Amino acid sequence: MRRTTAPRPAYDGVLAALEEVLTATADFHDGLGQAADPYIARRLRYLADEHLRVIRTDLSETRNQLADRHAPHPGRSTCTGEVPSTEQERSAVCACPPPPRTLPAPPPPMATGLRR
């Protein structure tokens, strides 16, 4: 029997997907018919319901605490717009915003007709 859960925030995609996998696997084990299968199904649902709830709560609290910080990271330097040759990523050491994204070129138009 498939249970529905409350919708999750957009930032919770990995945990929501893991919960879906655990629930689907539990549903699968419910229908197998071996003696250990109901136990396995209950255990998987317990992991999805209890352990993921604890992880989700802890991560949410940590995210909220970090969101309240407004001081610059002490390891970031003032941005000069130049990436030293020793750095692989400017974002790791530079506080400047990333360059603007460019949109990909649209695909060429295709003829819409019947194929033979």
Protein backbone atom coordinates (compact mmCIF):
# COMPACT_ATOMS: atom_id res chain seq x y z
CA MET A 1 0.00 0.00 0.00
CA ARG A 2 1.50 3.31 -1.10
CA ARG A 3 1.42 6.05 1.50
CA THR A 4 1.42 9.71 0.63
CA THR A 5 3.61 12.16 2.46
CA ALA A 6 3.44 15.89 2.92
CA PRO A 7 5.09 17.91 0.15
CA ARG A 8 8.70 18.76 0.86
CA PRO A 9 10.45 22.09 0.23
CA ALA A 10 12.43 22.42 -3.00
CA TYR A 11 15.78 22.28 -1.16
CA ASP A 12 14.89 18.86 0.23
CA GLY A 13 15.13 16.92 -3.04
CA VAL A 14 17.76 14.36 -2.05
CA LEU A 15 16.03 13.38 1.19
CA ALA A 16 12.61 13.31 -0.49
CA ALA A 17 13.98 11.03 -3.21
CA LEU A 18 15.56 8.76 -0.59
CA GLU A 19 12.26 8.61 1.26
CA GLU A 20 10.49 7.63 -1.96
CA VAL A 21 13.03 4.87 -2.62
CA LEU A 22 12.71 3.48 0.90
CA THR A 23 8.91 3.56 0.73
CA ALA A 24 8.81 1.95 -2.72
CA THR A 25 11.21 -0.76 -1.55
CA ALA A 26 9.03 -1.38 1.51
CA ASP A 27 5.97 -1.66 -0.74
CA PHE A 28 7.87 -4.17 -2.88
CA HIS A 29 8.80 -6.30 0.14
CA ASP A 30 5.18 -6.26 1.36
CA GLY A 31 4.20 -8.28 -1.68
CA LEU A 32 6.97 -10.88 -1.73
CA GLY A 33 5.47 -13.37 0.73
CA GLN A 34 8.58 -14.64 2.54
CA ALA A 35 8.58 -14.77 6.34
CA ALA A 36 11.15 -11.96 6.74
CA ASP A 37 9.57 -9.63 4.16
CA PRO A 38 7.04 -7.89 6.49
CA TYR A 39 9.87 -7.17 8.95
CA ILE A 40 12.04 -5.72 6.16
CA ALA A 41 9.13 -3.57 4.94
CA ARG A 42 8.46 -2.24 8.46
CA ARG A 43 12.17 -1.53 8.96
CA LEU A 44 12.40 0.40 5.69
CA ARG A 45 9.33 2.47 6.60
CA TYR A 46 10.81 3.14 10.02
CA LEU A 47 14.00 4.41 8.41
CA ALA A 48 12.01 6.63 6.05
CA ASP A 49 9.69 7.97 8.76
CA GLU A 50 11.96 8.33 11.77
CA HIS A 51 15.60 8.55 10.72
CA LEU A 52 15.00 10.81 7.73
CA ARG A 53 12.82 13.07 9.89
CA VAL A 54 15.70 13.52 12.34
CA ILE A 55 18.19 14.20 9.54
CA ARG A 56 15.78 16.61 7.84
CA THR A 57 15.21 18.49 11.12
CA ASP A 58 18.93 18.74 11.90
CA LEU A 59 19.78 19.96 8.39
CA SER A 60 16.96 22.49 8.46
CA GLU A 61 18.12 23.90 11.81
CA THR A 62 21.71 24.11 10.57
CA ARG A 63 20.59 25.84 7.37
CA ASN A 64 18.54 28.34 9.38
CA GLN A 65 21.49 29.11 11.66
CA LEU A 66 23.81 29.65 8.70
CA ALA A 67 21.25 31.79 6.89
CA ASP A 68 21.38 34.32 9.74
CA ARG A 69 25.07 35.00 9.20
CA HIS A 70 25.92 38.08 7.20
CA ALA A 71 29.66 38.42 7.77
CA PRO A 72 31.98 37.60 4.90
CA HIS A 73 33.88 34.33 5.13
CA PRO A 74 37.33 34.94 6.67
CA GLY A 75 39.01 32.80 4.01
CA ARG A 76 37.76 34.90 1.09
CA SER A 77 39.90 37.65 -0.28
CA THR A 78 38.85 40.89 -1.89
CA CYS A 79 37.98 40.24 -5.50
CA THR A 80 40.29 41.68 -8.11
CA GLY A 81 38.55 39.90 -10.97
CA GLU A 82 41.75 38.03 -11.70
CA VAL A 83 42.19 34.36 -10.96
CA PRO A 84 45.68 33.46 -9.78
CA SER A 85 47.31 30.65 -11.76
CA THR A 86 47.37 28.56 -8.57
CA GLU A 87 43.57 28.67 -8.19
CA GLN A 88 41.27 26.27 -9.98
CA GLU A 89 38.05 28.10 -9.10
CA ARG A 90 37.62 31.76 -8.54
CA SER A 91 34.51 31.19 -6.42
CA ALA A 92 36.58 29.39 -3.79
CA VAL A 93 38.59 32.50 -2.93
CA CYS A 94 36.79 35.42 -4.55
CA ALA A 95 33.68 37.07 -3.13
CA CYS A 96 32.61 38.61 -6.44
CA PRO A 97 29.38 37.44 -8.05
CA PRO A 98 29.61 34.78 -10.75
CA PRO A 99 29.67 35.91 -14.39
CA PRO A 100 26.27 36.23 -16.05
CA ARG A 101 24.89 33.06 -17.58
CA THR A 102 24.51 32.93 -21.30
CA LEU A 103 21.50 31.21 -22.75
CA PRO A 104 22.16 28.29 -25.08
CA ALA A 105 21.47 28.83 -28.75
CA PRO A 106 18.02 27.66 -29.79
CA PRO A 107 17.91 24.48 -31.89
CA PRO A 108 17.61 24.94 -35.64
CA PRO A 109 14.05 24.91 -36.97
CA MET A 110 12.86 21.53 -38.14
CA ALA A 111 10.43 20.86 -40.94
CA THR A 112 7.16 19.50 -39.67
CA GLY A 113 5.79 17.07 -42.14
CA LEU A 114 5.01 13.46 -42.60
CA ARG A 115 7.82 11.01 -43.07
CA ARG A 116 7.74 8.36 -45.68
